[in-house]
């Protein structure tokens, strides 16, 4: 799935769209997405000069966007709903992510109750886990 298809599923845009490509989308199961981490991203100017590291909160945001794409594919009438980050638990960071890395985000559906979807998501670089979390995505009507 290319960037234009992704934009139809989640509302994020530059500079906050963190997903460059969806590699796999198994409806009802999982979404595997890709974020190319490039050295020209603004946050590297201050995080950290001489030792650029992708901020953990942006890794979480990328993971949440992958979950949002999965929730969009799972949710009925998703075109009429906003997908919102609703919570995070069990977040762990194992290694740093630096310019030149390809961050692979693997969001696996775990549960659904009312308007909240729960995903177990992991982020890897070259097959090595760099982060993981349990993320909740809520759906609300766009008219709200």
N, C-alpha and C. Protein backbone atom coordinates (compact mmCIF):
# COMPACT_ATOMS: atom_id res chain seq x y z
N UNK A 1 0.86 -1.17 0.00
CA UNK A 1 0.00 0.00 0.00
C UNK A 1 0.91 1.24 0.00
N UNK A 2 0.65 2.16 -0.91
CA UNK A 2 1.49 3.34 -1.03
C UNK A 2 1.00 4.48 -0.14
N UNK A 3 1.73 5.59 -0.17
CA UNK A 3 1.46 6.72 0.71
C UNK A 3 0.08 7.33 0.46
N UNK A 4 -0.37 7.38 -0.77
CA UNK A 4 -1.69 7.96 -1.06
C UNK A 4 -2.81 7.11 -0.48
N UNK A 5 -2.67 5.80 -0.52
CA UNK A 5 -3.66 4.91 0.10
C UNK A 5 -3.64 5.06 1.62
N UNK A 6 -2.46 5.24 2.18
CA UNK A 6 -2.33 5.44 3.63
C UNK A 6 -3.05 6.70 4.04
N UNK A 7 -2.90 7.78 3.28
CA UNK A 7 -3.56 9.05 3.59
C UNK A 7 -5.08 8.94 3.57
N UNK A 8 -5.61 7.96 2.85
CA UNK A 8 -7.06 7.75 2.85
C UNK A 8 -7.53 7.05 4.12
N UNK A 9 -6.59 6.44 4.85
CA UNK A 9 -6.96 5.67 6.04
C UNK A 9 -6.73 6.44 7.34
N UNK A 10 -5.66 7.23 7.40
CA UNK A 10 -5.38 7.99 8.62
C UNK A 10 -5.22 9.46 8.25
N UNK A 11 -5.56 10.38 9.18
CA UNK A 11 -5.58 11.81 8.85
C UNK A 11 -4.21 12.50 8.90
N UNK A 12 -3.18 11.84 9.33
CA UNK A 12 -1.87 12.48 9.50
C UNK A 12 -1.28 12.92 8.17
N UNK A 13 -0.55 14.02 8.20
CA UNK A 13 0.14 14.56 7.04
C UNK A 13 1.52 15.05 7.46
N UNK A 14 2.37 15.34 6.46
CA UNK A 14 3.69 15.86 6.76
C UNK A 14 3.56 17.08 7.65
N UNK A 15 4.38 17.22 8.66
CA UNK A 15 5.54 16.38 9.01
C UNK A 15 5.22 15.27 10.01
N UNK A 16 3.94 15.00 10.24
CA UNK A 16 3.60 14.04 11.29
C UNK A 16 3.15 12.68 10.78
N UNK A 17 3.10 12.49 9.49
CA UNK A 17 2.79 11.16 8.95
C UNK A 17 4.05 10.31 9.07
N UNK A 18 3.98 9.25 9.87
CA UNK A 18 5.16 8.44 10.18
C UNK A 18 5.22 7.13 9.41
N UNK A 19 4.23 6.85 8.58
CA UNK A 19 4.20 5.60 7.82
C UNK A 19 4.49 5.93 6.36
N UNK A 20 5.50 5.28 5.80
CA UNK A 20 5.84 5.49 4.39
C UNK A 20 5.20 4.45 3.48
N UNK A 21 4.97 3.26 4.02
CA UNK A 21 4.41 2.19 3.19
C UNK A 21 3.81 1.12 4.10
N UNK A 22 2.72 0.52 3.66
CA UNK A 22 2.17 -0.65 4.34
C UNK A 22 2.64 -1.87 3.56
N UNK A 23 3.34 -2.76 4.25
CA UNK A 23 3.89 -3.95 3.62
C UNK A 23 2.89 -5.10 3.61
N UNK A 24 2.11 -5.21 4.69
CA UNK A 24 1.09 -6.26 4.80
C UNK A 24 -0.10 -5.70 5.55
N UNK A 25 -1.28 -6.06 5.10
CA UNK A 25 -2.50 -5.71 5.83
C UNK A 25 -3.42 -6.91 5.76
N UNK A 26 -3.49 -7.65 6.86
CA UNK A 26 -4.37 -8.81 6.97
C UNK A 26 -5.57 -8.38 7.78
N UNK A 27 -6.69 -8.15 7.09
CA UNK A 27 -7.88 -7.69 7.79
C UNK A 27 -8.24 -8.62 8.93
N UNK A 28 -8.49 -8.02 10.08
CA UNK A 28 -8.85 -8.79 11.26
C UNK A 28 -7.67 -9.36 12.00
N UNK A 29 -6.44 -9.14 11.49
CA UNK A 29 -5.27 -9.74 12.13
C UNK A 29 -4.15 -8.74 12.41
N UNK A 30 -3.59 -8.14 11.35
CA UNK A 30 -2.41 -7.32 11.59
C UNK A 30 -2.11 -6.37 10.45
N UNK A 31 -1.25 -5.40 10.78
CA UNK A 31 -0.72 -4.45 9.81
C UNK A 31 0.78 -4.39 10.01
N UNK A 32 1.53 -4.54 8.93
CA UNK A 32 2.99 -4.37 8.97
C UNK A 32 3.31 -3.17 8.10
N UNK A 33 3.93 -2.16 8.71
CA UNK A 33 4.21 -0.90 8.01
C UNK A 33 5.69 -0.55 8.11
N UNK A 34 6.10 0.38 7.26
CA UNK A 34 7.51 0.79 7.16
C UNK A 34 7.64 2.29 7.36
N UNK A 35 8.61 2.68 8.16
CA UNK A 35 9.00 4.09 8.33
C UNK A 35 10.48 4.18 7.97
N UNK A 36 10.80 4.93 6.91
CA UNK A 36 12.20 5.20 6.58
C UNK A 36 12.67 6.34 7.45
N UNK A 37 13.68 6.10 8.24
CA UNK A 37 14.21 7.12 9.15
C UNK A 37 15.34 7.83 8.41
N UNK A 38 15.11 9.10 8.05
CA UNK A 38 16.09 9.84 7.28
C UNK A 38 16.75 10.93 8.11
N UNK A 39 17.99 11.22 7.78
CA UNK A 39 18.76 12.20 8.54
C UNK A 39 18.29 13.63 8.40
N UNK A 40 17.42 13.91 7.43
CA UNK A 40 16.95 15.29 7.25
C UNK A 40 15.67 15.60 8.01
N UNK A 41 15.23 14.72 8.90
CA UNK A 41 14.03 14.98 9.69
C UNK A 41 14.37 16.01 10.77
N UNK A 42 13.47 16.99 10.93
CA UNK A 42 13.74 18.14 11.79
C UNK A 42 14.13 17.78 13.22
N UNK A 43 13.55 16.75 13.77
CA UNK A 43 13.82 16.45 15.19
C UNK A 43 15.26 16.04 15.44
N UNK A 44 15.99 15.60 14.41
CA UNK A 44 17.39 15.21 14.61
C UNK A 44 18.30 16.41 14.89
N UNK A 45 17.86 17.62 14.56
CA UNK A 45 18.66 18.81 14.84
C UNK A 45 18.93 18.94 16.33
N UNK A 46 17.93 18.65 17.14
CA UNK A 46 18.09 18.80 18.58
C UNK A 46 18.09 17.52 19.36
N UNK A 47 17.93 16.37 18.69
CA UNK A 47 17.83 15.09 19.41
C UNK A 47 18.73 14.05 18.78
N UNK A 48 19.92 14.01 18.97
CA UNK A 48 20.81 14.85 19.74
C UNK A 48 21.94 15.30 18.83
N UNK A 49 22.38 16.57 18.91
CA UNK A 49 23.45 17.06 18.04
C UNK A 49 24.69 16.16 18.14
N UNK A 50 25.17 15.70 17.00
CA UNK A 50 26.35 14.83 16.97
C UNK A 50 26.04 13.37 17.23
N UNK A 51 24.85 13.05 17.70
CA UNK A 51 24.44 11.67 17.97
C UNK A 51 22.93 11.55 17.75
N UNK A 52 22.47 11.64 16.48
CA UNK A 52 21.03 11.67 16.23
C UNK A 52 20.33 10.36 16.60
N UNK A 53 19.27 10.49 17.39
CA UNK A 53 18.46 9.35 17.84
C UNK A 53 16.99 9.71 17.66
N UNK A 54 16.21 8.82 17.06
CA UNK A 54 14.78 9.06 16.91
C UNK A 54 14.13 9.04 18.29
N UNK A 55 13.39 10.10 18.65
CA UNK A 55 12.74 10.14 19.97
C UNK A 55 11.77 8.98 20.17
N UNK A 56 11.77 8.44 21.37
CA UNK A 56 10.87 7.33 21.69
C UNK A 56 9.41 7.66 21.47
N UNK A 57 9.02 8.90 21.75
CA UNK A 57 7.61 9.27 21.56
C UNK A 57 7.23 9.21 20.08
N UNK A 58 8.18 9.45 19.18
CA UNK A 58 7.89 9.36 17.75
C UNK A 58 7.86 7.91 17.28
N UNK A 59 8.63 7.06 17.93
CA UNK A 59 8.52 5.62 17.64
C UNK A 59 7.14 5.14 18.06
N UNK A 60 6.68 5.59 19.23
CA UNK A 60 5.33 5.25 19.69
C UNK A 60 4.29 5.78 18.71
N UNK A 61 4.47 7.01 18.24
CA UNK A 61 3.53 7.57 17.27
C UNK A 61 3.48 6.74 16.00
N UNK A 62 4.63 6.31 15.51
CA UNK A 62 4.67 5.46 14.31
C UNK A 62 3.95 4.14 14.58
N UNK A 63 4.16 3.56 15.76
CA UNK A 63 3.47 2.31 16.11
C UNK A 63 1.96 2.55 16.17
N UNK A 64 1.55 3.68 16.75
CA UNK A 64 0.12 3.99 16.86
C UNK A 64 -0.51 4.20 15.49
N UNK A 65 0.23 4.82 14.55
CA UNK A 65 -0.31 5.00 13.21
C UNK A 65 -0.49 3.66 12.50
N UNK A 66 0.43 2.73 12.70
CA UNK A 66 0.26 1.38 12.14
C UNK A 66 -0.99 0.73 12.74
N UNK A 67 -1.21 0.92 14.03
CA UNK A 67 -2.42 0.39 14.67
C UNK A 67 -3.67 1.07 14.11
N UNK A 68 -3.58 2.36 13.84
CA UNK A 68 -4.70 3.09 13.25
C UNK A 68 -5.09 2.54 11.89
N UNK A 69 -4.10 2.20 11.08
CA UNK A 69 -4.38 1.60 9.77
C UNK A 69 -5.07 0.26 9.95
N UNK A 70 -4.58 -0.54 10.89
CA UNK A 70 -5.21 -1.84 11.16
C UNK A 70 -6.64 -1.65 11.67
N UNK A 71 -6.85 -0.68 12.56
CA UNK A 71 -8.19 -0.42 13.09
C UNK A 71 -9.12 0.07 11.98
N UNK A 72 -8.61 0.89 11.06
CA UNK A 72 -9.41 1.36 9.94
C UNK A 72 -9.90 0.17 9.13
N UNK A 73 -9.02 -0.78 8.88
CA UNK A 73 -9.39 -1.97 8.10
C UNK A 73 -10.40 -2.84 8.85
N UNK A 74 -10.37 -2.81 10.18
CA UNK A 74 -11.26 -3.63 11.00
C UNK A 74 -12.62 -2.99 11.26
N UNK A 75 -12.66 -1.67 11.31
CA UNK A 75 -13.84 -0.95 11.77
C UNK A 75 -14.89 -0.82 10.66
N UNK A 76 -16.14 -1.02 11.04
CA UNK A 76 -17.25 -0.80 10.10
C UNK A 76 -17.45 0.70 9.92
N UNK A 77 -17.78 1.12 8.73
CA UNK A 77 -18.03 2.53 8.42
C UNK A 77 -16.86 3.42 8.83
N UNK A 78 -15.64 2.94 8.65
CA UNK A 78 -14.47 3.67 9.11
C UNK A 78 -14.30 5.02 8.42
N UNK A 79 -14.86 5.20 7.22
CA UNK A 79 -14.75 6.48 6.54
C UNK A 79 -15.47 7.60 7.29
N UNK A 80 -16.47 7.25 8.09
CA UNK A 80 -17.23 8.24 8.85
C UNK A 80 -16.73 8.41 10.28
N UNK A 81 -15.58 7.83 10.59
CA UNK A 81 -15.07 7.87 11.96
C UNK A 81 -13.65 8.41 12.02
N UNK A 82 -13.34 9.04 13.15
CA UNK A 82 -11.96 9.42 13.46
C UNK A 82 -11.34 8.28 14.25
N UNK A 83 -10.09 8.00 13.97
CA UNK A 83 -9.33 7.02 14.73
C UNK A 83 -8.38 7.79 15.64
N UNK A 84 -8.51 7.58 16.94
CA UNK A 84 -7.73 8.35 17.91
C UNK A 84 -6.91 7.43 18.81
N UNK A 85 -5.71 7.88 19.13
CA UNK A 85 -4.85 7.20 20.08
C UNK A 85 -5.56 7.23 21.43
N UNK A 86 -5.80 6.06 22.04
CA UNK A 86 -6.58 6.00 23.27
C UNK A 86 -5.80 5.49 24.47
N UNK A 87 -4.60 4.95 24.26
CA UNK A 87 -3.84 4.49 25.40
C UNK A 87 -2.64 3.65 25.01
N UNK A 88 -1.74 3.56 25.97
CA UNK A 88 -0.54 2.75 25.78
C UNK A 88 -0.20 2.08 27.10
N UNK A 89 0.19 0.83 27.00
CA UNK A 89 0.63 0.08 28.17
C UNK A 89 1.83 -0.77 27.77
N UNK A 90 2.61 -1.13 28.76
CA UNK A 90 3.72 -2.07 28.58
C UNK A 90 4.72 -1.62 27.51
N UNK A 91 4.93 -0.30 27.39
CA UNK A 91 5.89 0.21 26.41
C UNK A 91 7.31 -0.06 26.88
N UNK A 92 8.12 -0.57 25.97
CA UNK A 92 9.52 -0.86 26.27
C UNK A 92 10.36 -0.46 25.06
N UNK A 93 11.51 0.12 25.34
CA UNK A 93 12.46 0.51 24.30
C UNK A 93 13.74 -0.28 24.51
N UNK A 94 14.17 -0.97 23.47
CA UNK A 94 15.30 -1.90 23.58
C UNK A 94 16.58 -1.36 22.97
N UNK A 95 16.48 -0.63 21.86
CA UNK A 95 17.64 -0.11 21.14
C UNK A 95 17.29 1.23 20.53
N UNK A 96 18.31 2.00 20.18
CA UNK A 96 18.07 3.28 19.55
C UNK A 96 17.77 3.10 18.06
N UNK A 97 17.05 4.08 17.51
CA UNK A 97 16.75 4.14 16.08
C UNK A 97 17.44 5.39 15.56
N UNK A 98 18.22 5.23 14.48
CA UNK A 98 19.06 6.32 13.98
C UNK A 98 18.82 6.53 12.48
N UNK A 99 19.26 7.69 11.95
CA UNK A 99 19.10 7.93 10.51
C UNK A 99 19.67 6.77 9.69
N UNK A 100 18.93 6.42 8.65
CA UNK A 100 19.32 5.31 7.78
C UNK A 100 18.61 4.02 8.11
N UNK A 101 18.02 3.95 9.30
CA UNK A 101 17.28 2.74 9.68
C UNK A 101 15.94 2.67 8.95
N UNK A 102 15.49 1.45 8.72
CA UNK A 102 14.12 1.21 8.27
C UNK A 102 13.39 0.59 9.45
N UNK A 103 12.44 1.33 9.96
CA UNK A 103 11.66 0.90 11.12
C UNK A 103 10.45 0.11 10.62
N UNK A 104 10.38 -1.15 11.01
CA UNK A 104 9.25 -2.00 10.63
C UNK A 104 8.32 -2.08 11.83
N UNK A 105 7.06 -1.77 11.62
CA UNK A 105 6.05 -1.70 12.67
C UNK A 105 5.04 -2.81 12.43
N UNK A 106 4.93 -3.70 13.39
CA UNK A 106 4.07 -4.87 13.25
C UNK A 106 2.99 -4.81 14.32
N UNK A 107 1.77 -4.42 13.92
CA UNK A 107 0.65 -4.26 14.83
C UNK A 107 -0.29 -5.45 14.69
N UNK A 108 -0.45 -6.19 15.77
CA UNK A 108 -1.31 -7.38 15.76
C UNK A 108 -2.55 -7.13 16.61
N UNK A 109 -3.72 -7.36 16.01
CA UNK A 109 -5.00 -7.19 16.69
C UNK A 109 -5.11 -8.17 17.85
N UNK A 110 -5.54 -7.65 19.01
CA UNK A 110 -5.73 -8.50 20.19
C UNK A 110 -7.18 -8.54 20.67
N UNK A 111 -7.85 -7.39 20.72
CA UNK A 111 -9.21 -7.36 21.27
C UNK A 111 -9.93 -6.11 20.80
N UNK A 112 -11.27 -6.14 20.99
CA UNK A 112 -12.12 -5.02 20.64
C UNK A 112 -13.27 -4.98 21.63
N UNK A 113 -13.52 -3.82 22.20
CA UNK A 113 -14.66 -3.66 23.09
C UNK A 113 -15.26 -2.28 22.84
N UNK A 114 -16.55 -2.28 22.51
CA UNK A 114 -17.26 -1.05 22.15
C UNK A 114 -16.51 -0.35 21.01
N UNK A 115 -15.97 0.85 21.25
CA UNK A 115 -15.30 1.58 20.19
C UNK A 115 -13.77 1.61 20.35
N UNK A 116 -13.21 0.68 21.11
CA UNK A 116 -11.77 0.66 21.36
C UNK A 116 -11.16 -0.65 20.85
N UNK A 117 -10.08 -0.50 20.09
CA UNK A 117 -9.35 -1.62 19.51
C UNK A 117 -8.02 -1.73 20.23
N UNK A 118 -7.60 -2.95 20.58
CA UNK A 118 -6.35 -3.17 21.29
C UNK A 118 -5.39 -3.93 20.37
N UNK A 119 -4.15 -3.45 20.31
CA UNK A 119 -3.12 -4.06 19.47
C UNK A 119 -1.85 -4.29 20.27
N UNK A 120 -1.18 -5.38 19.98
CA UNK A 120 0.18 -5.61 20.46
C UNK A 120 1.06 -5.23 19.28
N UNK A 121 1.97 -4.30 19.50
CA UNK A 121 2.78 -3.81 18.38
C UNK A 121 4.25 -3.84 18.75
N UNK A 122 5.06 -4.23 17.76
CA UNK A 122 6.50 -4.22 17.96
C UNK A 122 7.14 -3.46 16.81
N UNK A 123 8.26 -2.82 17.11
CA UNK A 123 9.03 -2.11 16.10
C UNK A 123 10.40 -2.78 16.02
N UNK A 124 10.83 -3.06 14.79
CA UNK A 124 12.12 -3.70 14.59
C UNK A 124 12.93 -2.95 13.54
N UNK A 125 14.25 -3.11 13.64
CA UNK A 125 15.18 -2.63 12.63
C UNK A 125 16.08 -3.81 12.28
N UNK A 126 16.08 -4.18 11.01
CA UNK A 126 16.87 -5.32 10.53
C UNK A 126 16.63 -6.58 11.38
N UNK A 127 15.37 -6.79 11.73
CA UNK A 127 14.99 -7.99 12.47
C UNK A 127 15.22 -7.93 13.97
N UNK A 128 15.80 -6.85 14.47
CA UNK A 128 16.05 -6.69 15.91
C UNK A 128 14.98 -5.80 16.52
N UNK A 129 14.35 -6.27 17.58
CA UNK A 129 13.30 -5.49 18.25
C UNK A 129 13.91 -4.25 18.89
N UNK A 130 13.32 -3.08 18.56
CA UNK A 130 13.79 -1.83 19.15
C UNK A 130 12.76 -1.26 20.13
N UNK A 131 11.49 -1.64 19.97
CA UNK A 131 10.44 -1.16 20.87
C UNK A 131 9.24 -2.07 20.77
N UNK A 132 8.40 -2.01 21.80
CA UNK A 132 7.15 -2.77 21.82
C UNK A 132 6.16 -2.09 22.75
N UNK A 133 4.88 -2.33 22.53
CA UNK A 133 3.85 -1.74 23.39
C UNK A 133 2.50 -2.38 23.09
N UNK A 134 1.58 -2.16 24.01
CA UNK A 134 0.18 -2.47 23.77
C UNK A 134 -0.50 -1.12 23.56
N UNK A 135 -1.15 -0.95 22.42
CA UNK A 135 -1.72 0.34 22.06
C UNK A 135 -3.22 0.19 21.81
N UNK A 136 -3.96 1.19 22.29
CA UNK A 136 -5.41 1.23 22.09
C UNK A 136 -5.74 2.36 21.12
N UNK A 137 -6.65 2.04 20.20
CA UNK A 137 -7.15 3.01 19.23
C UNK A 137 -8.65 3.09 19.39
N UNK A 138 -9.18 4.30 19.54
CA UNK A 138 -10.63 4.49 19.67
C UNK A 138 -11.20 5.07 18.38
N UNK A 139 -12.44 4.73 18.12
CA UNK A 139 -13.14 5.32 16.98
C UNK A 139 -14.29 6.18 17.50
N UNK A 140 -14.42 7.37 16.90
CA UNK A 140 -15.54 8.26 17.24
C UNK A 140 -16.11 8.79 15.93
N UNK A 141 -17.41 9.09 15.88
CA UNK A 141 -18.00 9.64 14.67
C UNK A 141 -17.37 10.98 14.31
N UNK A 142 -17.15 11.22 13.02
CA UNK A 142 -16.57 12.48 12.57
C UNK A 142 -17.48 13.67 12.87
N UNK A 143 -18.74 13.44 13.04
CA UNK A 143 -19.67 14.53 13.34
C UNK A 143 -19.51 15.06 14.76
N UNK A 144 -18.76 14.35 15.62
CA UNK A 144 -18.57 14.78 17.02
C UNK A 144 -17.61 15.94 17.11
